[in-house]
Amino acid sequence: MGNISSLIGNNQQYIQSGGADYNVATNKNLLPAGWMDGYIESAEIRDTKSGTGQYIYIAWRTLDGQHLVHDHINIKNANSVAVDIGLRTLGAIARALGLESIDDTEQLNGREIAARLAIEESGGWPARNVIKAYAKTSTTRPKRAGDLDKTRHQIRGGEFRNQQANFRQDDIPADQIPF
């Protein structure tokens, strides 16, 4: 027999009748959807519940250390599509970290990497953050595709705009128009 109130302290509101709703309380801790920098706190290979497959469990943490998001990357599964998605995700992680290949989960631990987060609700469970993609951290990645075009334009010194302004459709012979 043990004293529960001494263990949970100020979190008593979650178990009292008429207290705070668990869903509302946990949703306050959700991160917004989108890209966020963080690091892989731990990565390890685990067996699936059925025991017929394996996945890489990743604990990804925000750089401020306050939020933890879990990810499962299938590497052995009866569903070949799940394995294909898992291997592509592992390839994206390797590229983001500048690795030629990943041979051991130890290569991932403690490494900074950006994650594209989404908010998912399923099966009556409270909403939670999920990782949809991995990439280099924001300091080495364009924020949006449009930003990359602007950067190219700035590098070319307006050359791209000038080419567009000088282009006229009647400059192309009619037999070379592809429609």
N, C-alpha and C. Protein backbone atom coordinates (compact mmCIF):
# COMPACT_ATOMS: atom_id res chain seq x y z
N MET A 1 0.84 -1.16 0.00
CA MET A 1 0.00 0.00 0.00
C MET A 1 0.89 1.23 0.00
N GLY A 2 0.59 2.22 -0.86
CA GLY A 2 1.42 3.41 -0.94
C GLY A 2 0.56 4.65 -1.08
N ASN A 3 1.12 5.76 -0.71
CA ASN A 3 0.42 7.03 -0.77
C ASN A 3 0.55 7.62 -2.17
N ILE A 4 -0.51 7.58 -2.96
CA ILE A 4 -0.49 8.08 -4.34
C ILE A 4 -0.34 9.59 -4.38
N SER A 5 -1.02 10.31 -3.51
CA SER A 5 -0.98 11.78 -3.56
C SER A 5 0.43 12.32 -3.37
N SER A 6 1.25 11.65 -2.59
CA SER A 6 2.62 12.13 -2.41
C SER A 6 3.46 11.90 -3.66
N LEU A 7 3.05 10.92 -4.47
CA LEU A 7 3.80 10.63 -5.69
C LEU A 7 3.43 11.56 -6.84
N ILE A 8 2.15 11.93 -6.92
CA ILE A 8 1.72 12.73 -8.07
C ILE A 8 1.67 14.22 -7.79
N GLY A 9 1.74 14.63 -6.54
CA GLY A 9 1.81 16.04 -6.17
C GLY A 9 0.74 16.90 -6.78
N ASN A 10 1.13 17.93 -7.56
CA ASN A 10 0.20 18.90 -8.14
C ASN A 10 -0.65 18.32 -9.27
N ASN A 11 -0.39 17.11 -9.69
CA ASN A 11 -1.17 16.49 -10.76
C ASN A 11 -2.44 15.84 -10.25
N GLN A 12 -2.80 16.10 -9.02
CA GLN A 12 -4.00 15.53 -8.40
C GLN A 12 -5.26 15.83 -9.21
N GLN A 13 -5.30 16.98 -9.89
CA GLN A 13 -6.49 17.38 -10.66
C GLN A 13 -6.86 16.37 -11.73
N TYR A 14 -5.91 15.58 -12.20
CA TYR A 14 -6.21 14.64 -13.28
C TYR A 14 -6.97 13.42 -12.81
N ILE A 15 -6.94 13.13 -11.54
CA ILE A 15 -7.63 11.93 -11.07
C ILE A 15 -8.84 12.25 -10.20
N GLN A 16 -9.06 13.50 -9.87
CA GLN A 16 -10.23 13.86 -9.08
C GLN A 16 -11.45 13.94 -9.98
N SER A 17 -12.59 13.48 -9.47
CA SER A 17 -13.81 13.60 -10.26
C SER A 17 -14.12 15.09 -10.39
N GLY A 18 -14.52 15.49 -11.57
CA GLY A 18 -14.81 16.90 -11.82
C GLY A 18 -13.56 17.71 -12.06
N GLY A 19 -12.39 17.07 -12.08
CA GLY A 19 -11.13 17.77 -12.32
C GLY A 19 -10.94 18.05 -13.79
N ALA A 20 -9.74 18.41 -14.15
CA ALA A 20 -9.43 18.77 -15.54
C ALA A 20 -9.60 17.55 -16.45
N ASP A 21 -10.07 17.80 -17.66
CA ASP A 21 -10.23 16.75 -18.65
C ASP A 21 -8.84 16.36 -19.17
N TYR A 22 -8.55 15.07 -19.18
CA TYR A 22 -7.23 14.58 -19.60
C TYR A 22 -6.91 15.04 -21.03
N ASN A 23 -7.87 14.97 -21.94
CA ASN A 23 -7.61 15.37 -23.32
C ASN A 23 -7.22 16.84 -23.42
N VAL A 24 -7.91 17.69 -22.69
CA VAL A 24 -7.61 19.12 -22.72
C VAL A 24 -6.22 19.36 -22.13
N ALA A 25 -5.92 18.68 -21.04
CA ALA A 25 -4.63 18.89 -20.37
C ALA A 25 -3.47 18.46 -21.25
N THR A 26 -3.60 17.32 -21.92
CA THR A 26 -2.49 16.85 -22.74
C THR A 26 -2.37 17.64 -24.03
N ASN A 27 -3.46 18.13 -24.60
CA ASN A 27 -3.38 18.90 -25.83
C ASN A 27 -2.65 20.22 -25.66
N LYS A 28 -2.56 20.72 -24.44
CA LYS A 28 -1.80 21.95 -24.20
C LYS A 28 -0.33 21.75 -24.53
N ASN A 29 0.14 20.51 -24.49
CA ASN A 29 1.54 20.23 -24.72
C ASN A 29 1.87 19.87 -26.16
N LEU A 30 0.89 19.95 -27.05
CA LEU A 30 1.15 19.64 -28.45
C LEU A 30 1.99 20.73 -29.10
N LEU A 31 2.90 20.31 -29.94
CA LEU A 31 3.68 21.25 -30.75
C LEU A 31 2.89 21.56 -32.01
N PRO A 32 3.06 22.73 -32.59
CA PRO A 32 2.34 23.04 -33.83
C PRO A 32 2.86 22.18 -34.98
N ALA A 33 2.00 21.92 -35.95
CA ALA A 33 2.42 21.17 -37.13
C ALA A 33 3.43 22.00 -37.91
N GLY A 34 4.40 21.33 -38.50
CA GLY A 34 5.42 22.00 -39.29
C GLY A 34 6.82 21.54 -38.92
N TRP A 35 7.81 22.15 -39.53
CA TRP A 35 9.21 21.78 -39.29
C TRP A 35 9.70 22.33 -37.97
N MET A 36 10.46 21.53 -37.24
CA MET A 36 11.04 21.96 -35.98
C MET A 36 12.39 21.26 -35.80
N ASP A 37 13.35 22.02 -35.31
CA ASP A 37 14.68 21.45 -35.05
C ASP A 37 14.68 20.71 -33.72
N GLY A 38 15.46 19.65 -33.67
CA GLY A 38 15.58 18.87 -32.45
C GLY A 38 16.76 17.92 -32.59
N TYR A 39 16.74 16.87 -31.79
CA TYR A 39 17.80 15.87 -31.86
C TYR A 39 17.24 14.51 -31.50
N ILE A 40 17.93 13.48 -31.96
CA ILE A 40 17.52 12.12 -31.64
C ILE A 40 18.11 11.79 -30.27
N GLU A 41 17.23 11.70 -29.31
CA GLU A 41 17.66 11.39 -27.95
C GLU A 41 18.11 9.94 -27.83
N SER A 42 17.34 9.05 -28.45
CA SER A 42 17.73 7.64 -28.46
C SER A 42 17.11 6.94 -29.66
N ALA A 43 17.80 5.94 -30.14
CA ALA A 43 17.31 5.11 -31.23
C ALA A 43 17.71 3.67 -30.93
N GLU A 44 16.76 2.76 -31.10
CA GLU A 44 17.05 1.36 -30.84
C GLU A 44 16.12 0.48 -31.67
N ILE A 45 16.57 -0.73 -31.93
CA ILE A 45 15.75 -1.69 -32.66
C ILE A 45 14.89 -2.44 -31.67
N ARG A 46 13.58 -2.54 -32.00
CA ARG A 46 12.63 -3.24 -31.13
C ARG A 46 11.82 -4.22 -31.97
N ASP A 47 11.32 -5.25 -31.31
CA ASP A 47 10.43 -6.20 -31.96
C ASP A 47 9.01 -5.67 -31.94
N THR A 48 8.24 -6.01 -32.98
CA THR A 48 6.83 -5.63 -33.01
C THR A 48 6.07 -6.44 -31.97
N LYS A 49 4.88 -5.98 -31.61
CA LYS A 49 4.06 -6.69 -30.62
C LYS A 49 3.79 -8.12 -31.05
N SER A 50 3.57 -8.32 -32.35
CA SER A 50 3.28 -9.67 -32.85
C SER A 50 4.51 -10.57 -32.85
N GLY A 51 5.69 -9.95 -32.77
CA GLY A 51 6.93 -10.72 -32.77
C GLY A 51 7.38 -11.15 -34.16
N THR A 52 6.66 -10.71 -35.20
CA THR A 52 7.01 -11.12 -36.56
C THR A 52 7.82 -10.06 -37.31
N GLY A 53 8.06 -8.94 -36.71
CA GLY A 53 8.80 -7.88 -37.39
C GLY A 53 9.65 -7.08 -36.42
N GLN A 54 10.34 -6.09 -36.97
CA GLN A 54 11.17 -5.19 -36.16
C GLN A 54 11.05 -3.77 -36.69
N TYR A 55 11.29 -2.83 -35.79
CA TYR A 55 11.25 -1.42 -36.15
C TYR A 55 12.33 -0.68 -35.37
N ILE A 56 12.69 0.48 -35.88
CA ILE A 56 13.61 1.35 -35.14
C ILE A 56 12.75 2.33 -34.37
N TYR A 57 12.89 2.30 -33.07
CA TYR A 57 12.18 3.24 -32.21
C TYR A 57 13.08 4.46 -32.06
N ILE A 58 12.52 5.63 -32.35
CA ILE A 58 13.28 6.88 -32.22
C ILE A 58 12.56 7.79 -31.22
N ALA A 59 13.31 8.28 -30.26
CA ALA A 59 12.82 9.31 -29.34
C ALA A 59 13.47 10.61 -29.78
N TRP A 60 12.66 11.49 -30.39
CA TRP A 60 13.14 12.77 -30.91
C TRP A 60 12.71 13.86 -29.94
N ARG A 61 13.65 14.73 -29.56
CA ARG A 61 13.38 15.78 -28.58
C ARG A 61 13.68 17.14 -29.18
N THR A 62 12.84 18.13 -28.85
CA THR A 62 13.08 19.49 -29.30
C THR A 62 14.37 20.02 -28.68
N LEU A 63 14.98 21.01 -29.33
CA LEU A 63 16.25 21.53 -28.84
C LEU A 63 16.14 22.14 -27.45
N ASP A 64 14.96 22.67 -27.10
CA ASP A 64 14.80 23.23 -25.76
C ASP A 64 14.64 22.14 -24.70
N GLY A 65 14.52 20.88 -25.14
CA GLY A 65 14.43 19.75 -24.23
C GLY A 65 13.08 19.53 -23.60
N GLN A 66 12.07 20.31 -23.98
CA GLN A 66 10.78 20.23 -23.29
C GLN A 66 9.78 19.29 -23.93
N HIS A 67 9.98 18.89 -25.18
CA HIS A 67 9.00 18.04 -25.86
C HIS A 67 9.68 16.81 -26.44
N LEU A 68 9.03 15.67 -26.27
CA LEU A 68 9.53 14.41 -26.79
C LEU A 68 8.48 13.82 -27.72
N VAL A 69 8.90 13.40 -28.91
CA VAL A 69 8.00 12.78 -29.88
C VAL A 69 8.60 11.42 -30.25
N HIS A 70 7.76 10.40 -30.29
CA HIS A 70 8.21 9.05 -30.58
C HIS A 70 7.92 8.71 -32.05
N ASP A 71 8.82 7.95 -32.66
CA ASP A 71 8.62 7.53 -34.03
C ASP A 71 9.00 6.06 -34.14
N HIS A 72 8.31 5.35 -35.02
CA HIS A 72 8.59 3.94 -35.31
C HIS A 72 8.86 3.81 -36.79
N ILE A 73 10.03 3.27 -37.14
CA ILE A 73 10.40 3.10 -38.54
C ILE A 73 10.51 1.61 -38.81
N ASN A 74 9.58 1.08 -39.59
CA ASN A 74 9.57 -0.35 -39.90
C ASN A 74 10.77 -0.73 -40.74
N ILE A 75 11.48 -1.78 -40.32
CA ILE A 75 12.60 -2.28 -41.10
C ILE A 75 12.42 -3.75 -41.46
N LYS A 76 11.53 -4.43 -40.74
CA LYS A 76 11.21 -5.83 -41.04
C LYS A 76 9.73 -6.01 -40.73
N ASN A 77 8.95 -6.33 -41.78
CA ASN A 77 7.51 -6.42 -41.61
C ASN A 77 6.94 -7.27 -42.73
N ALA A 78 5.82 -7.93 -42.47
CA ALA A 78 5.16 -8.73 -43.51
C ALA A 78 4.62 -7.83 -44.63
N ASN A 79 4.33 -6.58 -44.30
CA ASN A 79 3.83 -5.61 -45.27
C ASN A 79 5.02 -4.94 -45.96
N SER A 80 5.24 -5.26 -47.22
CA SER A 80 6.41 -4.73 -47.94
C SER A 80 6.32 -3.21 -48.13
N VAL A 81 5.11 -2.66 -48.20
CA VAL A 81 4.95 -1.20 -48.33
C VAL A 81 5.46 -0.52 -47.07
N ALA A 82 5.16 -1.08 -45.91
CA ALA A 82 5.63 -0.51 -44.63
C ALA A 82 7.16 -0.52 -44.58
N VAL A 83 7.76 -1.59 -45.05
CA VAL A 83 9.22 -1.68 -45.06
C VAL A 83 9.80 -0.66 -46.04
N ASP A 84 9.18 -0.51 -47.21
CA ASP A 84 9.65 0.46 -48.20
C ASP A 84 9.60 1.87 -47.63
N ILE A 85 8.51 2.22 -46.98
CA ILE A 85 8.38 3.55 -46.36
C ILE A 85 9.45 3.71 -45.28
N GLY A 86 9.65 2.69 -44.48
CA GLY A 86 10.65 2.74 -43.42
C GLY A 86 12.06 2.94 -43.95
N LEU A 87 12.40 2.22 -45.02
CA LEU A 87 13.74 2.36 -45.58
C LEU A 87 13.95 3.72 -46.23
N ARG A 88 12.89 4.27 -46.86
CA ARG A 88 13.00 5.62 -47.41
C ARG A 88 13.17 6.66 -46.29
N THR A 89 12.47 6.46 -45.19
CA THR A 89 12.62 7.36 -44.04
C THR A 89 14.04 7.27 -43.48
N LEU A 90 14.55 6.06 -43.37
CA LEU A 90 15.93 5.87 -42.88
C LEU A 90 16.92 6.53 -43.83
N GLY A 91 16.66 6.47 -45.14
CA GLY A 91 17.52 7.15 -46.11
C GLY A 91 17.48 8.66 -45.94
N ALA A 92 16.29 9.20 -45.67
CA ALA A 92 16.16 10.64 -45.44
C ALA A 92 16.93 11.07 -44.20
N ILE A 93 16.89 10.24 -43.17
CA ILE A 93 17.64 10.54 -41.95
C ILE A 93 19.14 10.54 -42.25
N ALA A 94 19.59 9.53 -42.99
CA ALA A 94 21.02 9.46 -43.33
C ALA A 94 21.46 10.70 -44.11
N ARG A 95 20.66 11.10 -45.11
CA ARG A 95 21.02 12.30 -45.90
C ARG A 95 21.03 13.55 -45.03
N ALA A 96 20.05 13.67 -44.14
CA ALA A 96 19.98 14.86 -43.28
C ALA A 96 21.17 14.94 -42.34
N LEU A 97 21.67 13.79 -41.94
CA LEU A 97 22.81 13.77 -41.01
C LEU A 97 24.15 13.74 -41.74
N GLY A 98 24.11 13.66 -43.07
CA GLY A 98 25.35 13.62 -43.84
C GLY A 98 26.06 12.29 -43.77
N LEU A 99 25.32 11.21 -43.56
CA LEU A 99 25.90 9.87 -43.47
C LEU A 99 25.70 9.14 -44.80
N GLU A 100 26.69 8.35 -45.19
CA GLU A 100 26.54 7.56 -46.41
C GLU A 100 25.60 6.39 -46.17
N SER A 101 25.65 5.84 -44.98
CA SER A 101 24.76 4.73 -44.63
C SER A 101 24.61 4.71 -43.11
N ILE A 102 23.59 4.00 -42.67
CA ILE A 102 23.38 3.81 -41.24
C ILE A 102 23.49 2.32 -40.96
N ASP A 103 24.52 1.96 -40.22
CA ASP A 103 24.77 0.55 -39.92
C ASP A 103 24.34 0.17 -38.52
N ASP A 104 24.24 1.17 -37.65
CA ASP A 104 23.91 0.91 -36.25
C ASP A 104 23.11 2.09 -35.71
N THR A 105 22.15 1.82 -34.86
CA THR A 105 21.34 2.90 -34.30
C THR A 105 22.18 3.85 -33.44
N GLU A 106 23.33 3.42 -32.98
CA GLU A 106 24.21 4.29 -32.19
C GLU A 106 24.66 5.50 -33.00
N GLN A 107 24.69 5.38 -34.33
CA GLN A 107 25.08 6.49 -35.19
C GLN A 107 24.07 7.64 -35.12
N LEU A 108 22.85 7.36 -34.66
CA LEU A 108 21.80 8.35 -34.62
C LEU A 108 21.71 9.09 -33.29
N ASN A 109 22.09 8.44 -32.21
CA ASN A 109 21.91 9.01 -30.89
C ASN A 109 22.65 10.32 -30.70
N GLY A 110 21.90 11.33 -30.23
CA GLY A 110 22.48 12.64 -29.93
C GLY A 110 22.65 13.55 -31.13
N ARG A 111 22.25 13.12 -32.31
CA ARG A 111 22.45 13.92 -33.52
C ARG A 111 21.29 14.88 -33.74
N GLU A 112 21.63 16.13 -34.11
CA GLU A 112 20.60 17.14 -34.41
C GLU A 112 19.99 16.87 -35.77
N ILE A 113 18.66 16.98 -35.83
CA ILE A 113 17.92 16.75 -37.06
C ILE A 113 16.56 17.44 -36.95
N ALA A 114 16.07 17.96 -38.05
CA ALA A 114 14.75 18.59 -38.06
C ALA A 114 13.69 17.52 -38.35
N ALA A 115 12.52 17.72 -37.78
CA ALA A 115 11.40 16.81 -38.02
C ALA A 115 10.19 17.63 -38.44
N ARG A 116 9.44 17.10 -39.42
CA ARG A 116 8.18 17.74 -39.79
C ARG A 116 7.09 17.07 -38.98
N LEU A 117 6.51 17.84 -38.08
CA LEU A 117 5.51 17.32 -37.16
C LEU A 117 4.11 17.51 -37.70
N ALA A 118 3.25 16.61 -37.31
CA ALA A 118 1.82 16.71 -37.60
C ALA A 118 1.09 16.37 -36.31
N ILE A 119 -0.19 16.69 -36.27
CA ILE A 119 -1.02 16.35 -35.12
C ILE A 119 -1.99 15.27 -35.57
N GLU A 120 -2.03 14.19 -34.82
CA GLU A 120 -2.84 13.04 -35.19
C GLU A 120 -3.77 12.65 -34.05
N GLU A 121 -5.02 12.36 -34.40
CA GLU A 121 -5.98 11.82 -33.45
C GLU A 121 -6.45 10.49 -34.00
N SER A 122 -6.47 9.47 -33.15
CA SER A 122 -6.95 8.18 -33.65
C SER A 122 -7.46 7.32 -32.50
N GLY A 123 -8.44 6.52 -32.84
CA GLY A 123 -8.94 5.51 -31.91
C GLY A 123 -9.43 6.03 -30.58
N GLY A 124 -9.93 7.25 -30.54
CA GLY A 124 -10.41 7.79 -29.28
C GLY A 124 -9.32 8.26 -28.32
N TRP A 125 -8.07 8.14 -28.73
CA TRP A 125 -6.96 8.62 -27.90
C TRP A 125 -6.81 10.12 -28.07
N PRO A 126 -6.20 10.79 -27.09
CA PRO A 126 -5.98 12.23 -27.23
C PRO A 126 -5.05 12.52 -28.43
N ALA A 127 -5.16 13.72 -28.95
CA ALA A 127 -4.29 14.13 -30.06
C ALA A 127 -2.84 14.05 -29.61
N ARG A 128 -1.98 13.73 -30.58
CA ARG A 128 -0.55 13.64 -30.27
C ARG A 128 0.24 14.09 -31.48
N ASN A 129 1.50 14.45 -31.25
CA ASN A 129 2.38 14.79 -32.35
C ASN A 129 2.96 13.52 -32.95
N VAL A 130 3.09 13.52 -34.26
CA VAL A 130 3.76 12.44 -34.98
C VAL A 130 4.76 13.06 -35.94
N ILE A 131 5.79 12.30 -36.26
CA ILE A 131 6.82 12.77 -37.19
C ILE A 131 6.48 12.24 -38.57
N LYS A 132 6.40 13.15 -39.54
CA LYS A 132 6.07 12.79 -40.91
C LYS A 132 7.30 12.75 -41.82
N ALA A 133 8.36 13.48 -41.47
CA ALA A 133 9.55 13.51 -42.32
C ALA A 133 10.73 14.05 -41.52
N TYR A 134 11.92 13.80 -42.02
CA TYR A 134 13.16 14.29 -41.42
C TYR A 134 13.94 15.07 -42.46
N ALA A 135 14.73 16.06 -42.00
CA ALA A 135 15.56 16.85 -42.91
C ALA A 135 16.69 17.48 -42.10
N LYS A 136 17.58 18.15 -42.82
CA LYS A 136 18.63 18.92 -42.16
C LYS A 136 17.99 19.97 -41.28
N THR A 137 18.72 20.48 -40.33
CA THR A 137 18.18 21.52 -39.46
C THR A 137 17.92 22.79 -40.25
N SER A 138 17.13 23.69 -39.69
CA SER A 138 16.67 24.89 -40.41
C SER A 138 17.79 25.80 -40.87
N THR A 139 18.94 25.73 -40.26
CA THR A 139 20.04 26.60 -40.67
C THR A 139 20.62 26.20 -42.03
N THR A 140 20.33 24.98 -42.47
CA THR A 140 20.87 24.52 -43.75
C THR A 140 19.79 24.16 -44.75
N ARG A 141 18.53 24.50 -44.45
CA ARG A 141 17.41 24.10 -45.29
C ARG A 141 16.56 25.31 -45.63
N PRO A 142 16.11 25.47 -46.89
CA PRO A 142 15.18 26.55 -47.20
C PRO A 142 13.89 26.36 -46.42
N LYS A 143 13.25 27.43 -46.02
CA LYS A 143 12.01 27.34 -45.25
C LYS A 143 10.86 26.81 -46.11
N ARG A 144 10.76 27.30 -47.35
CA ARG A 144 9.69 26.88 -48.27
C ARG A 144 10.28 26.80 -49.67
N ALA A 145 9.61 26.10 -50.54
CA ALA A 145 10.09 25.97 -51.92
C ALA A 145 10.23 27.35 -52.57
N GLY A 146 9.33 28.27 -52.28
CA GLY A 146 9.40 29.62 -52.84
C GLY A 146 10.66 30.36 -52.42
N ASP A 147 11.14 30.08 -51.21
CA ASP A 147 12.36 30.72 -50.74
C ASP A 147 13.55 30.32 -51.59
N LEU A 148 13.56 29.06 -52.05
CA LEU A 148 14.65 28.59 -52.88
C LEU A 148 14.67 29.34 -54.21
N ASP A 149 13.49 29.55 -54.81
CA ASP A 149 13.42 30.31 -56.07
C ASP A 149 13.90 31.75 -55.87
N LYS A 150 13.53 32.37 -54.75
CA LYS A 150 13.98 33.73 -54.46
C LYS A 150 15.50 33.77 -54.33
N THR A 151 16.05 32.76 -53.65
CA THR A 151 17.50 32.70 -53.47
C THR A 151 18.19 32.56 -54.82
N ARG A 152 17.69 31.68 -55.67
CA ARG A 152 18.28 31.53 -57.01
C ARG A 152 18.22 32.83 -57.78
N HIS A 153 17.10 33.52 -57.68
CA HIS A 153 16.93 34.80 -58.37
C HIS A 153 17.97 35.81 -57.87
N GLN A 154 18.18 35.87 -56.57
CA GLN A 154 19.14 36.81 -56.00
C GLN A 154 20.55 36.47 -56.44
N ILE A 155 20.87 35.19 -56.51
CA ILE A 155 22.21 34.78 -56.91
C ILE A 155 22.47 35.15 -58.37
N ARG A 156 21.48 34.97 -59.21
CA ARG A 156 21.63 35.27 -60.63
C ARG A 156 21.56 36.77 -60.92
N GLY A 157 21.24 37.57 -59.93
CA GLY A 157 21.18 39.01 -60.11
C GLY A 157 20.08 39.46 -61.05
N GLY A 158 18.96 38.78 -61.00
CA GLY A 158 17.84 39.19 -61.83
C GLY A 158 17.87 38.57 -63.21
N GLU A 159 18.87 37.74 -63.52
CA GLU A 159 18.98 37.13 -64.84
C GLU A 159 17.72 36.32 -65.18
N PHE A 160 17.18 35.61 -64.22
CA PHE A 160 15.99 34.79 -64.44
C PHE A 160 14.81 35.66 -64.88
N ARG A 161 14.59 36.76 -64.18
CA ARG A 161 13.49 37.66 -64.53
C ARG A 161 13.67 38.22 -65.93
N ASN A 162 14.91 38.60 -66.25
CA ASN A 162 15.17 39.17 -67.57
C ASN A 162 14.91 38.17 -68.68
N GLN A 163 15.24 36.90 -68.46
CA GLN A 163 14.99 35.87 -69.46
C GLN A 163 13.49 35.72 -69.69
N GLN A 164 12.70 35.78 -68.63
CA GLN A 164 11.26 35.64 -68.76
C GLN A 164 10.67 36.83 -69.52
N ALA A 165 11.16 38.02 -69.25
CA ALA A 165 10.63 39.23 -69.89
C ALA A 165 10.94 39.24 -71.38
N ASN A 166 12.08 38.68 -71.77
CA ASN A 166 12.49 38.69 -73.18
C ASN A 166 11.90 37.54 -73.98
N PHE A 167 11.27 36.59 -73.33
CA PHE A 167 10.72 35.43 -74.02
C PHE A 167 9.40 35.78 -74.68
N ARG A 168 9.27 35.41 -75.94
CA ARG A 168 8.00 35.58 -76.65
C ARG A 168 7.70 34.25 -77.33
N GLN A 169 6.44 33.86 -77.29
CA GLN A 169 6.06 32.58 -77.86
C GLN A 169 6.31 32.52 -79.37
N ASP A 170 6.22 33.65 -80.07
CA ASP A 170 6.43 33.61 -81.51
C ASP A 170 7.91 33.45 -81.87
N ASP A 171 8.81 33.40 -80.85
CA ASP A 171 10.21 33.11 -81.09
C ASP A 171 10.42 31.62 -81.38
N ILE A 172 9.42 30.77 -81.05
CA ILE A 172 9.54 29.33 -81.24
C ILE A 172 8.80 28.96 -82.51
N PRO A 173 9.44 28.24 -83.41
CA PRO A 173 8.74 27.79 -84.63
C PRO A 173 7.54 26.93 -84.25
N ALA A 174 6.45 27.05 -85.02
CA ALA A 174 5.18 26.39 -84.70
C ALA A 174 5.33 24.87 -84.61
N ASP A 175 6.22 24.28 -85.38
CA ASP A 175 6.36 22.83 -85.33
C ASP A 175 7.11 22.33 -84.08
N GLN A 176 7.65 23.23 -83.26
CA GLN A 176 8.34 22.84 -82.03
C GLN A 176 7.53 23.10 -80.77
N ILE A 177 6.32 23.62 -80.91
CA ILE A 177 5.46 23.83 -79.75
C ILE A 177 4.87 22.48 -79.35
N PRO A 178 5.06 22.06 -78.11
CA PRO A 178 4.69 20.69 -77.72
C PRO A 178 3.21 20.46 -77.47
N PHE A 179 2.31 21.29 -77.93
CA PHE A 179 0.88 21.05 -77.70
C PHE A 179 0.08 21.31 -78.94
